[in-house]
Amino acid sequence: MARRWLPWLALAALPVAAPLSALEPPSTVARWAAACNGCHGAEGRGSGAMPALRGQSADALAAKLEQWRNDPDAAAATGHVMARFAAILEPETLRALADHYGAAP
């Protein structure tokens, strides 16, 4: 009789599996933030010639991205490479990124 419980005891002794959330792919905002951080430094805190995103007003960041998104030719004419990125952002992703960086100093 005790032998029937041995497999169950062995299973109970296994380490707890990682939560399913750890296996899910990163969110759209997390993927875009990683891309932003590539130029704007760790956590968007700035990197030399690239300005910091972190600590700016979320509304100001959203307005600038929307300006570049709505008029990419004007942005490109002034040398802003951000027009290429802003042009492909969905409006809700644009706002979420602005909130992501503008939320914490």
PDB file of N, CA and C in Angstrom:
ATOM      1  N   MET A   1       0.807  -1.197   0.000  1.00  0.00           N
ATOM      2  CA  MET A   1       0.000   0.000   0.000  1.00  0.00           C
ATOM      3  C   MET A   1       0.851   1.261   0.000  1.00  0.00           C
ATOM      4  N   ALA A   2       1.914   1.272   0.775  1.00  0.00           N
ATOM      5  CA  ALA A   2       2.777   2.449   0.840  1.00  0.00           C
ATOM      6  C   ALA A   2       3.450   2.720  -0.499  1.00  0.00           C
ATOM      7  N   ARG A   3       3.668   1.687  -1.275  1.00  0.00           N
ATOM      8  CA  ARG A   3       4.322   1.854  -2.573  1.00  0.00           C
ATOM      9  C   ARG A   3       3.477   2.663  -3.548  1.00  0.00           C
ATOM     10  N   ARG A   4       2.164   2.629  -3.394  1.00  0.00           N
ATOM     11  CA  ARG A   4       1.305   3.417  -4.291  1.00  0.00           C
ATOM     12  C   ARG A   4       1.495   4.911  -4.051  1.00  0.00           C
ATOM     13  N   TRP A   5       1.907   5.307  -2.881  1.00  0.00           N
ATOM     14  CA  TRP A   5       2.084   6.726  -2.557  1.00  0.00           C
ATOM     15  C   TRP A   5       3.467   7.251  -2.932  1.00  0.00           C
ATOM     16  N   LEU A   6       4.405   6.383  -3.171  1.00  0.00           N
ATOM     17  CA  LEU A   6       5.761   6.825  -3.491  1.00  0.00           C
ATOM     18  C   LEU A   6       5.814   7.733  -4.726  1.00  0.00           C
ATOM     19  N   PRO A   7       5.144   7.398  -5.839  1.00  0.00           N
ATOM     20  CA  PRO A   7       5.194   8.318  -6.992  1.00  0.00           C
ATOM     21  C   PRO A   7       4.618   9.693  -6.659  1.00  0.00           C
ATOM     22  N   TRP A   8       3.572   9.722  -5.867  1.00  0.00           N
ATOM     23  CA  TRP A   8       2.977  11.014  -5.496  1.00  0.00           C
ATOM     24  C   TRP A   8       3.912  11.813  -4.598  1.00  0.00           C
ATOM     25  N   LEU A   9       4.589  11.142  -3.699  1.00  0.00           N
ATOM     26  CA  LEU A   9       5.552  11.834  -2.838  1.00  0.00           C
ATOM     27  C   LEU A   9       6.710  12.390  -3.670  1.00  0.00           C
ATOM     28  N   ALA A  10       7.126  11.629  -4.663  1.00  0.00           N
ATOM     29  CA  ALA A  10       8.205  12.101  -5.530  1.00  0.00           C
ATOM     30  C   ALA A  10       7.770  13.350  -6.299  1.00  0.00           C
ATOM     31  N   LEU A  11       6.551  13.354  -6.777  1.00  0.00           N
ATOM     32  CA  LEU A  11       6.046  14.538  -7.486  1.00  0.00           C
ATOM     33  C   LEU A  11       5.952  15.738  -6.552  1.00  0.00           C
ATOM     34  N   ALA A  12       5.530  15.510  -5.351  1.00  0.00           N
ATOM     35  CA  ALA A  12       5.401  16.602  -4.384  1.00  0.00           C
ATOM     36  C   ALA A  12       6.760  17.186  -4.031  1.00  0.00           C
ATOM     37  N   ALA A  13       7.797  16.386  -4.142  1.00  0.00           N
ATOM     38  CA  ALA A  13       9.137  16.858  -3.792  1.00  0.00           C
ATOM     39  C   ALA A  13       9.796  17.657  -4.915  1.00  0.00           C
ATOM     40  N   LEU A  14       9.227  17.608  -6.117  1.00  0.00           N
ATOM     41  CA  LEU A  14       9.803  18.376  -7.230  1.00  0.00           C
ATOM     42  C   LEU A  14       9.717  19.864  -6.957  1.00  0.00           C
ATOM     43  N   PRO A  15      10.680  20.633  -7.465  1.00  0.00           N
ATOM     44  CA  PRO A  15      10.583  22.089  -7.281  1.00  0.00           C
ATOM     45  C   PRO A  15       9.318  22.628  -7.941  1.00  0.00           C
ATOM     46  N   VAL A  16       8.818  23.687  -7.379  1.00  0.00           N
ATOM     47  CA  VAL A  16       7.617  24.315  -7.926  1.00  0.00           C
ATOM     48  C   VAL A  16       7.954  24.907  -9.287  1.00  0.00           C
ATOM     49  N   ALA A  17       7.113  24.667 -10.268  1.00  0.00           N
ATOM     50  CA  ALA A  17       7.334  25.179 -11.622  1.00  0.00           C
ATOM     51  C   ALA A  17       7.209  26.687 -11.641  1.00  0.00           C
ATOM     52  N   ALA A  18       7.871  27.306 -12.608  1.00  0.00           N
ATOM     53  CA  ALA A  18       7.782  28.758 -12.761  1.00  0.00           C
ATOM     54  C   ALA A  18       6.341  29.145 -13.052  1.00  0.00           C
ATOM     55  N   PRO A  19       5.919  30.304 -12.542  1.00  0.00           N
ATOM     56  CA  PRO A  19       4.551  30.730 -12.845  1.00  0.00           C
ATOM     57  C   PRO A  19       4.373  30.930 -14.347  1.00  0.00           C
ATOM     58  N   LEU A  20       3.157  30.728 -14.813  1.00  0.00           N
ATOM     59  CA  LEU A  20       2.887  30.872 -16.246  1.00  0.00           C
ATOM     60  C   LEU A  20       3.238  32.257 -16.752  1.00  0.00           C
ATOM     61  N   SER A  21       3.100  33.292 -15.918  1.00  0.00           N
ATOM     62  CA  SER A  21       3.418  34.647 -16.371  1.00  0.00           C
ATOM     63  C   SER A  21       4.885  34.774 -16.758  1.00  0.00           C
ATOM     64  N   ALA A  22       5.751  33.968 -16.170  1.00  0.00           N
ATOM     65  CA  ALA A  22       7.165  34.013 -16.529  1.00  0.00           C
ATOM     66  C   ALA A  22       7.401  33.440 -17.921  1.00  0.00           C
ATOM     67  N   LEU A  23       6.475  32.656 -18.402  1.00  0.00           N
ATOM     68  CA  LEU A  23       6.612  32.042 -19.707  1.00  0.00           C
ATOM     69  C   LEU A  23       5.958  32.860 -20.817  1.00  0.00           C
ATOM     70  N   GLU A  24       5.214  33.883 -20.452  1.00  0.00           N
ATOM     71  CA  GLU A  24       4.536  34.717 -21.445  1.00  0.00           C
ATOM     72  C   GLU A  24       5.529  35.666 -22.097  1.00  0.00           C
ATOM     73  N   PRO A  25       5.326  35.984 -23.373  1.00  0.00           N
ATOM     74  CA  PRO A  25       6.221  36.940 -24.033  1.00  0.00           C
ATOM     75  C   PRO A  25       6.034  38.330 -23.426  1.00  0.00           C
ATOM     76  N   PRO A  26       7.053  39.178 -23.543  1.00  0.00           N
ATOM     77  CA  PRO A  26       6.932  40.530 -23.000  1.00  0.00           C
ATOM     78  C   PRO A  26       5.822  41.308 -23.700  1.00  0.00           C
ATOM     79  N   SER A  27       5.262  42.264 -23.010  1.00  0.00           N
ATOM     80  CA  SER A  27       4.197  43.085 -23.578  1.00  0.00           C
ATOM     81  C   SER A  27       4.746  43.957 -24.707  1.00  0.00           C
ATOM     82  N   THR A  28       3.844  44.512 -25.464  1.00  0.00           N
ATOM     83  CA  THR A  28       4.233  45.423 -26.547  1.00  0.00           C
ATOM     84  C   THR A  28       5.018  46.602 -25.990  1.00  0.00           C
ATOM     85  N   VAL A  29       4.558  47.164 -24.879  1.00  0.00           N
ATOM     86  CA  VAL A  29       5.262  48.304 -24.281  1.00  0.00           C
ATOM     87  C   VAL A  29       6.650  47.890 -23.815  1.00  0.00           C
ATOM     88  N   ALA A  30       6.776  46.709 -23.225  1.00  0.00           N
ATOM     89  CA  ALA A  30       8.091  46.244 -22.770  1.00  0.00           C
ATOM     90  C   ALA A  30       9.052  46.081 -23.946  1.00  0.00           C
ATOM     91  N   ARG A  31       8.545  45.556 -25.065  1.00  0.00           N
ATOM     92  CA  ARG A  31       9.412  45.399 -26.248  1.00  0.00           C
ATOM     93  C   ARG A  31       9.829  46.753 -26.796  1.00  0.00           C
ATOM     94  N   TRP A  32       8.886  47.692 -26.895  1.00  0.00           N
ATOM     95  CA  TRP A  32       9.230  49.027 -27.397  1.00  0.00           C
ATOM     96  C   TRP A  32      10.165  49.738 -26.425  1.00  0.00           C
ATOM     97  N   ALA A  33       9.923  49.610 -25.131  1.00  0.00           N
ATOM     98  CA  ALA A  33      10.797  50.264 -24.144  1.00  0.00           C
ATOM     99  C   ALA A  33      12.220  49.737 -24.273  1.00  0.00           C
ATOM    100  N   ALA A  34      12.384  48.452 -24.531  1.00  0.00           N
ATOM    101  CA  ALA A  34      13.721  47.893 -24.725  1.00  0.00           C
ATOM    102  C   ALA A  34      14.398  48.543 -25.930  1.00  0.00           C
ATOM    103  N   ALA A  35      13.621  48.776 -26.992  1.00  0.00           N
ATOM    104  CA  ALA A  35      14.173  49.445 -28.172  1.00  0.00           C
ATOM    105  C   ALA A  35      14.548  50.888 -27.846  1.00  0.00           C
ATOM    106  N   CYS A  36      13.693  51.580 -27.114  1.00  0.00           N
ATOM    107  CA  CYS A  36      13.975  52.972 -26.724  1.00  0.00           C
ATOM    108  C   CYS A  36      15.247  53.048 -25.884  1.00  0.00           C
ATOM    109  N   ASN A  37      15.366  52.106 -24.955  1.00  0.00           N
ATOM    110  CA  ASN A  37      16.519  52.096 -24.060  1.00  0.00           C
ATOM    111  C   ASN A  37      17.821  51.843 -24.802  1.00  0.00           C
ATOM    112  N   GLY A  38      17.728  51.219 -25.969  1.00  0.00           N
ATOM    113  CA  GLY A  38      18.922  50.980 -26.762  1.00  0.00           C
ATOM    114  C   GLY A  38      19.641  52.265 -27.134  1.00  0.00           C
ATOM    115  N   CYS A  39      18.906  53.332 -27.353  1.00  0.00           N
ATOM    116  CA  CYS A  39      19.509  54.631 -27.678  1.00  0.00           C
ATOM    117  C   CYS A  39      19.473  55.599 -26.498  1.00  0.00           C
ATOM    118  N   HIS A  40      18.386  55.558 -25.746  1.00  0.00           N
ATOM    119  CA  HIS A  40      18.187  56.538 -24.672  1.00  0.00           C
ATOM    120  C   HIS A  40      18.727  56.080 -23.321  1.00  0.00           C
ATOM    121  N   GLY A  41      19.487  54.995 -23.307  1.00  0.00           N
ATOM    122  CA  GLY A  41      20.133  54.531 -22.091  1.00  0.00           C
ATOM    123  C   GLY A  41      19.247  53.662 -21.227  1.00  0.00           C
ATOM    124  N   ALA A  42      19.876  53.052 -20.247  1.00  0.00           N
ATOM    125  CA  ALA A  42      19.172  52.142 -19.339  1.00  0.00           C
ATOM    126  C   ALA A  42      17.973  52.840 -18.720  1.00  0.00           C
ATOM    127  N   GLU A  43      16.824  52.200 -18.839  1.00  0.00           N
ATOM    128  CA  GLU A  43      15.565  52.709 -18.301  1.00  0.00           C
ATOM    129  C   GLU A  43      15.221  54.102 -18.832  1.00  0.00           C
ATOM    130  N   GLY A  44      15.784  54.458 -20.005  1.00  0.00           N
ATOM    131  CA  GLY A  44      15.478  55.746 -20.618  1.00  0.00           C
ATOM    132  C   GLY A  44      16.069  56.937 -19.885  1.00  0.00           C
ATOM    133  N   ARG A  45      17.165  56.737 -19.165  1.00  0.00           N
ATOM    134  CA  ARG A  45      17.754  57.811 -18.348  1.00  0.00           C
ATOM    135  C   ARG A  45      18.760  58.669 -19.107  1.00  0.00           C
ATOM    136  N   GLY A  46      18.881  58.463 -20.407  1.00  0.00           N
ATOM    137  CA  GLY A  46      19.779  59.276 -21.221  1.00  0.00           C
ATOM    138  C   GLY A  46      21.103  58.572 -21.446  1.00  0.00           C
ATOM    139  N   SER A  47      21.727  58.897 -22.576  1.00  0.00           N
ATOM    140  CA  SER A  47      23.027  58.291 -22.894  1.00  0.00           C
ATOM    141  C   SER A  47      23.807  59.226 -23.805  1.00  0.00           C
ATOM    142  N   GLY A  48      24.548  60.116 -23.227  1.00  0.00           N
ATOM    143  CA  GLY A  48      25.364  61.018 -24.029  1.00  0.00           C
ATOM    144  C   GLY A  48      24.531  61.967 -24.864  1.00  0.00           C
ATOM    145  N   ALA A  49      24.561  61.778 -26.187  1.00  0.00           N
ATOM    146  CA  ALA A  49      23.853  62.686 -27.090  1.00  0.00           C
ATOM    147  C   ALA A  49      22.342  62.476 -27.083  1.00  0.00           C
ATOM    148  N   MET A  50      21.891  61.319 -26.596  1.00  0.00           N
ATOM    149  CA  MET A  50      20.455  61.034 -26.583  1.00  0.00           C
ATOM    150  C   MET A  50      19.849  61.520 -25.266  1.00  0.00           C
ATOM    151  N   PRO A  51      18.777  62.278 -25.353  1.00  0.00           N
ATOM    152  CA  PRO A  51      18.189  62.829 -24.125  1.00  0.00           C
ATOM    153  C   PRO A  51      17.508  61.766 -23.272  1.00  0.00           C
ATOM    154  N   ALA A  52      17.380  62.072 -22.009  1.00  0.00           N
ATOM    155  CA  ALA A  52      16.658  61.187 -21.086  1.00  0.00           C
ATOM    156  C   ALA A  52      15.167  61.278 -21.382  1.00  0.00           C
ATOM    157  N   LEU A  53      14.512  60.165 -21.323  1.00  0.00           N
ATOM    158  CA  LEU A  53      13.056  60.120 -21.435  1.00  0.00           C
ATOM    159  C   LEU A  53      12.450  60.109 -20.039  1.00  0.00           C
ATOM    160  N   ARG A  54      13.098  59.373 -19.154  1.00  0.00           N
ATOM    161  CA  ARG A  54      12.630  59.215 -17.778  1.00  0.00           C
ATOM    162  C   ARG A  54      12.618  60.584 -17.093  1.00  0.00           C
ATOM    163  N   GLY A  55      11.506  60.867 -16.442  1.00  0.00           N
ATOM    164  CA  GLY A  55      11.410  62.108 -15.696  1.00  0.00           C
ATOM    165  C   GLY A  55      10.745  63.246 -16.456  1.00  0.00           C
ATOM    166  N   GLN A  56      10.596  63.102 -17.769  1.00  0.00           N
ATOM    167  CA  GLN A  56       9.875  64.122 -18.520  1.00  0.00           C
ATOM    168  C   GLN A  56       8.377  63.918 -18.293  1.00  0.00           C
ATOM    169  N   SER A  57       7.627  64.925 -18.581  1.00  0.00           N
ATOM    170  CA  SER A  57       6.173  64.827 -18.479  1.00  0.00           C
ATOM    171  C   SER A  57       5.652  63.814 -19.499  1.00  0.00           C
ATOM    172  N   ALA A  58       4.778  62.927 -19.051  1.00  0.00           N
ATOM    173  CA  ALA A  58       4.182  61.949 -19.963  1.00  0.00           C
ATOM    174  C   ALA A  58       3.420  62.653 -21.080  1.00  0.00           C
ATOM    175  N   ASP A  59       2.733  63.739 -20.741  1.00  0.00           N
ATOM    176  CA  ASP A  59       1.986  64.479 -21.766  1.00  0.00           C
ATOM    177  C   ASP A  59       2.928  65.100 -22.785  1.00  0.00           C
ATOM    178  N   ALA A  60       4.062  65.627 -22.337  1.00  0.00           N
ATOM    179  CA  ALA A  60       5.032  66.230 -23.262  1.00  0.00           C
ATOM    180  C   ALA A  60       5.642  65.168 -24.171  1.00  0.00           C
ATOM    181  N   LEU A  61       5.965  64.000 -23.605  1.00  0.00           N
ATOM    182  CA  LEU A  61       6.504  62.919 -24.425  1.00  0.00           C
ATOM    183  C   LEU A  61       5.487  62.468 -25.467  1.00  0.00           C
ATOM    184  N   ALA A  62       4.245  62.296 -25.051  1.00  0.00           N
ATOM    185  CA  ALA A  62       3.191  61.872 -25.987  1.00  0.00           C
ATOM    186  C   ALA A  62       2.990  62.916 -27.079  1.00  0.00           C
ATOM    187  N   ALA A  63       2.993  64.190 -26.704  1.00  0.00           N
ATOM    188  CA  ALA A  63       2.795  65.253 -27.694  1.00  0.00           C
ATOM    189  C   ALA A  63       3.913  65.259 -28.725  1.00  0.00           C
ATOM    190  N   LYS A  64       5.151  65.066 -28.284  1.00  0.00           N
ATOM    191  CA  LYS A  64       6.284  65.066 -29.214  1.00  0.00           C
ATOM    192  C   LYS A  64       6.216  63.855 -30.140  1.00  0.00           C
ATOM    193  N   LEU A  65       5.897  62.675 -29.597  1.00  0.00           N
ATOM    194  CA  LEU A  65       5.757  61.489 -30.438  1.00  0.00           C
ATOM    195  C   LEU A  65       4.614  61.652 -31.439  1.00  0.00           C
ATOM    196  N   GLU A  66       3.507  62.221 -30.994  1.00  0.00           N
ATOM    197  CA  GLU A  66       2.377  62.452 -31.901  1.00  0.00           C
ATOM    198  C   GLU A  66       2.745  63.460 -32.984  1.00  0.00           C
ATOM    199  N   GLN A  67       3.506  64.487 -32.619  1.00  0.00           N
ATOM    200  CA  GLN A  67       3.949  65.472 -33.612  1.00  0.00           C
ATOM    201  C   GLN A  67       4.799  64.785 -34.672  1.00  0.00           C
ATOM    202  N   TRP A  68       5.738  63.960 -34.250  1.00  0.00           N
ATOM    203  CA  TRP A  68       6.578  63.236 -35.208  1.00  0.00           C
ATOM    204  C   TRP A  68       5.760  62.243 -36.018  1.00  0.00           C
ATOM    205  N   ARG A  69       4.794  61.629 -35.383  1.00  0.00           N
ATOM    206  CA  ARG A  69       3.956  60.648 -36.074  1.00  0.00           C
ATOM    207  C   ARG A  69       3.081  61.317 -37.134  1.00  0.00           C
ATOM    208  N   ASN A  70       2.536  62.481 -36.811  1.00  0.00           N
ATOM    209  CA  ASN A  70       1.623  63.172 -37.718  1.00  0.00           C
ATOM    210  C   ASN A  70       2.324  63.943 -38.822  1.00  0.00           C
ATOM    211  N   ASP A  71       3.589  64.289 -38.631  1.00  0.00           N
ATOM    212  CA  ASP A  71       4.320  65.052 -39.646  1.00  0.00           C
ATOM    213  C   ASP A  71       5.739  64.504 -39.779  1.00  0.00           C
ATOM    214  N   PRO A  72       5.862  63.270 -40.270  1.00  0.00           N
ATOM    215  CA  PRO A  72       7.185  62.655 -40.340  1.00  0.00           C
ATOM    216  C   PRO A  72       8.154  63.378 -41.272  1.00  0.00           C
ATOM    217  N   ASP A  73       7.636  64.040 -42.312  1.00  0.00           N
ATOM    218  CA  ASP A  73       8.524  64.753 -43.232  1.00  0.00           C
ATOM    219  C   ASP A  73       9.207  65.919 -42.539  1.00  0.00           C
ATOM    220  N   ALA A  74       8.465  66.661 -41.735  1.00  0.00           N
ATOM    221  CA  ALA A  74       9.054  67.790 -41.006  1.00  0.00           C
ATOM    222  C   ALA A  74      10.071  67.288 -39.993  1.00  0.00           C
ATOM    223  N   ALA A  75       9.751  66.189 -39.323  1.00  0.00           N
ATOM    224  CA  ALA A  75      10.690  65.635 -38.344  1.00  0.00           C
ATOM    225  C   ALA A  75      11.956  65.142 -39.033  1.00  0.00           C
ATOM    226  N   ALA A  76      11.795  64.449 -40.146  1.00  0.00           N
ATOM    227  CA  ALA A  76      12.952  63.938 -40.873  1.00  0.00           C
ATOM    228  C   ALA A  76      13.796  65.073 -41.436  1.00  0.00           C
ATOM    229  N   ALA A  77      13.145  66.161 -41.864  1.00  0.00           N
ATOM    230  CA  ALA A  77      13.877  67.308 -42.417  1.00  0.00           C
ATOM    231  C   ALA A  77      14.789  67.940 -41.375  1.00  0.00           C
ATOM    232  N   THR A  78      14.419  67.835 -40.105  1.00  0.00           N
ATOM    233  CA  THR A  78      15.257  68.409 -39.050  1.00  0.00           C
ATOM    234  C   THR A  78      16.240  67.379 -38.494  1.00  0.00           C
ATOM    235  N   GLY A  79      16.283  66.204 -39.114  1.00  0.00           N
ATOM    236  CA  GLY A  79      17.249  65.195 -38.716  1.00  0.00           C
ATOM    237  C   GLY A  79      16.796  64.262 -37.610  1.00  0.00           C
ATOM    238  N   HIS A  80      15.529  64.305 -37.240  1.00  0.00           N
ATOM    239  CA  HIS A  80      15.036  63.431 -36.183  1.00  0.00           C
ATOM    240  C   HIS A  80      14.752  62.047 -36.732  1.00  0.00           C
ATOM    241  N   VAL A  81      15.485  61.060 -36.261  1.00  0.00           N
ATOM    242  CA  VAL A  81      15.235  59.685 -36.677  1.00  0.00           C
ATOM    243  C   VAL A  81      13.984  59.140 -35.991  1.00  0.00           C
ATOM    244  N   MET A  82      13.515  59.826 -34.976  1.00  0.00           N
ATOM    245  CA  MET A  82      12.348  59.370 -34.232  1.00  0.00           C
ATOM    246  C   MET A  82      11.090  59.325 -35.089  1.00  0.00           C
ATOM    247  N   ALA A  83      11.048  60.066 -36.173  1.00  0.00           N
ATOM    248  CA  ALA A  83       9.869  60.059 -37.042  1.00  0.00           C
ATOM    249  C   ALA A  83       9.594  58.659 -37.564  1.00  0.00           C
ATOM    250  N   ARG A  84      10.651  57.900 -37.871  1.00  0.00           N
ATOM    251  CA  ARG A  84      10.483  56.538 -38.367  1.00  0.00           C
ATOM    252  C   ARG A  84       9.844  55.640 -37.316  1.00  0.00           C
ATOM    253  N   PHE A  85      10.234  55.841 -36.066  1.00  0.00           N
ATOM    254  CA  PHE A  85       9.679  55.022 -34.993  1.00  0.00           C
ATOM    255  C   PHE A  85       8.259  55.460 -34.654  1.00  0.00           C
ATOM    256  N   ALA A  86       8.061  56.760 -34.536  1.00  0.00           N
ATOM    257  CA  ALA A  86       6.745  57.285 -34.166  1.00  0.00           C
ATOM    258  C   ALA A  86       5.693  56.935 -35.210  1.00  0.00           C
ATOM    259  N   ALA A  87       6.098  56.889 -36.473  1.00  0.00           N
ATOM    260  CA  ALA A  87       5.147  56.624 -37.554  1.00  0.00           C
ATOM    261  C   ALA A  87       4.523  55.234 -37.466  1.00  0.00           C
ATOM    262  N   ILE A  88       5.208  54.284 -36.847  1.00  0.00           N
ATOM    263  CA  ILE A  88       4.678  52.924 -36.798  1.00  0.00           C
ATOM    264  C   ILE A  88       4.060  52.565 -35.440  1.00  0.00           C
ATOM    265  N   LEU A  89       4.081  53.503 -34.514  1.00  0.00           N
ATOM    266  CA  LEU A  89       3.462  53.245 -33.206  1.00  0.00           C
ATOM    267  C   LEU A  89       1.949  53.374 -33.281  1.00  0.00           C
ATOM    268  N   GLU A  90       1.259  52.408 -32.716  1.00  0.00           N
ATOM    269  CA  GLU A  90      -0.186  52.522 -32.570  1.00  0.00           C
ATOM    270  C   GLU A  90      -0.448  53.609 -31.528  1.00  0.00           C
ATOM    271  N   PRO A  91      -1.538  54.375 -31.648  1.00  0.00           N
ATOM    272  CA  PRO A  91      -1.806  55.448 -30.685  1.00  0.00           C
ATOM    273  C   PRO A  91      -1.790  54.986 -29.224  1.00  0.00           C
ATOM    274  N   GLU A  92      -2.353  53.804 -28.950  1.00  0.00           N
ATOM    275  CA  GLU A  92      -2.370  53.346 -27.552  1.00  0.00           C
ATOM    276  C   GLU A  92      -0.976  52.953 -27.068  1.00  0.00           C
ATOM    277  N   THR A  93      -0.135  52.442 -27.965  1.00  0.00           N
ATOM    278  CA  THR A  93       1.239  52.112 -27.596  1.00  0.00           C
ATOM    279  C   THR A  93       2.039  53.384 -27.375  1.00  0.00           C
ATOM    280  N   LEU A  94       1.817  54.373 -28.221  1.00  0.00           N
ATOM    281  CA  LEU A  94       2.489  55.668 -28.071  1.00  0.00           C
ATOM    282  C   LEU A  94       2.195  56.251 -26.682  1.00  0.00           C
ATOM    283  N   ARG A  95       0.929  56.250 -26.312  1.00  0.00           N
ATOM    284  CA  ARG A  95       0.536  56.809 -25.004  1.00  0.00           C
ATOM    285  C   ARG A  95       1.094  55.968 -23.853  1.00  0.00           C
ATOM    286  N   ALA A  96       1.071  54.653 -24.017  1.00  0.00           N
ATOM    287  CA  ALA A  96       1.587  53.776 -22.965  1.00  0.00           C
ATOM    288  C   ALA A  96       3.085  53.980 -22.755  1.00  0.00           C
ATOM    289  N   LEU A  97       3.824  54.188 -23.838  1.00  0.00           N
ATOM    290  CA  LEU A  97       5.256  54.471 -23.707  1.00  0.00           C
ATOM    291  C   LEU A  97       5.490  55.807 -23.011  1.00  0.00           C
ATOM    292  N   ALA A  98       4.716  56.809 -23.376  1.00  0.00           N
ATOM    293  CA  ALA A  98       4.843  58.115 -22.720  1.00  0.00           C
ATOM    294  C   ALA A  98       4.563  57.987 -21.232  1.00  0.00           C
ATOM    295  N   ASP A  99       3.546  57.221 -20.891  1.00  0.00           N
ATOM    296  CA  ASP A  99       3.216  57.006 -19.473  1.00  0.00           C
ATOM    297  C   ASP A  99       4.313  56.204 -18.772  1.00  0.00           C
ATOM    298  N   HIS A 100       4.873  55.251 -19.477  1.00  0.00           N
ATOM    299  CA  HIS A 100       5.944  54.409 -18.907  1.00  0.00           C
ATOM    300  C   HIS A 100       7.140  55.266 -18.493  1.00  0.00           C
ATOM    301  N   TYR A 101       7.560  56.135 -19.362  1.00  0.00           N
ATOM    302  CA  TYR A 101       8.742  56.952 -19.062  1.00  0.00           C
ATOM    303  C   TYR A 101       8.404  58.179 -18.220  1.00  0.00           C
ATOM    304  N   GLY A 102       7.235  58.719 -18.416  1.00  0.00           N
ATOM    305  CA  GLY A 102       6.871  59.917 -17.667  1.00  0.00           C
ATOM    306  C   GLY A 102       6.400  59.640 -16.256  1.00  0.00           C
ATOM    307  N   ALA A 103       6.142  58.396 -15.946  1.00  0.00           N
ATOM    308  CA  ALA A 103       5.583  58.054 -14.635  1.00  0.00           C
ATOM    309  C   ALA A 103       6.590  58.127 -13.510  1.00  0.00           C
ATOM    310  N   ALA A 104       7.865  57.837 -13.773  1.00  0.00           N
ATOM    311  CA  ALA A 104       8.849  57.775 -12.688  1.00  0.00           C
ATOM    312  C   ALA A 104      10.009  58.720 -12.966  1.00  0.00           C
ATOM    313  N   PRO A 105      10.453  59.428 -11.960  1.00  0.00           N
ATOM    314  CA  PRO A 105      11.613  60.324 -12.155  1.00  0.00           C
ATOM    315  C   PRO A 105      12.916  59.550 -12.265  1.00  0.00           C
TER     316      PRO A 105
END
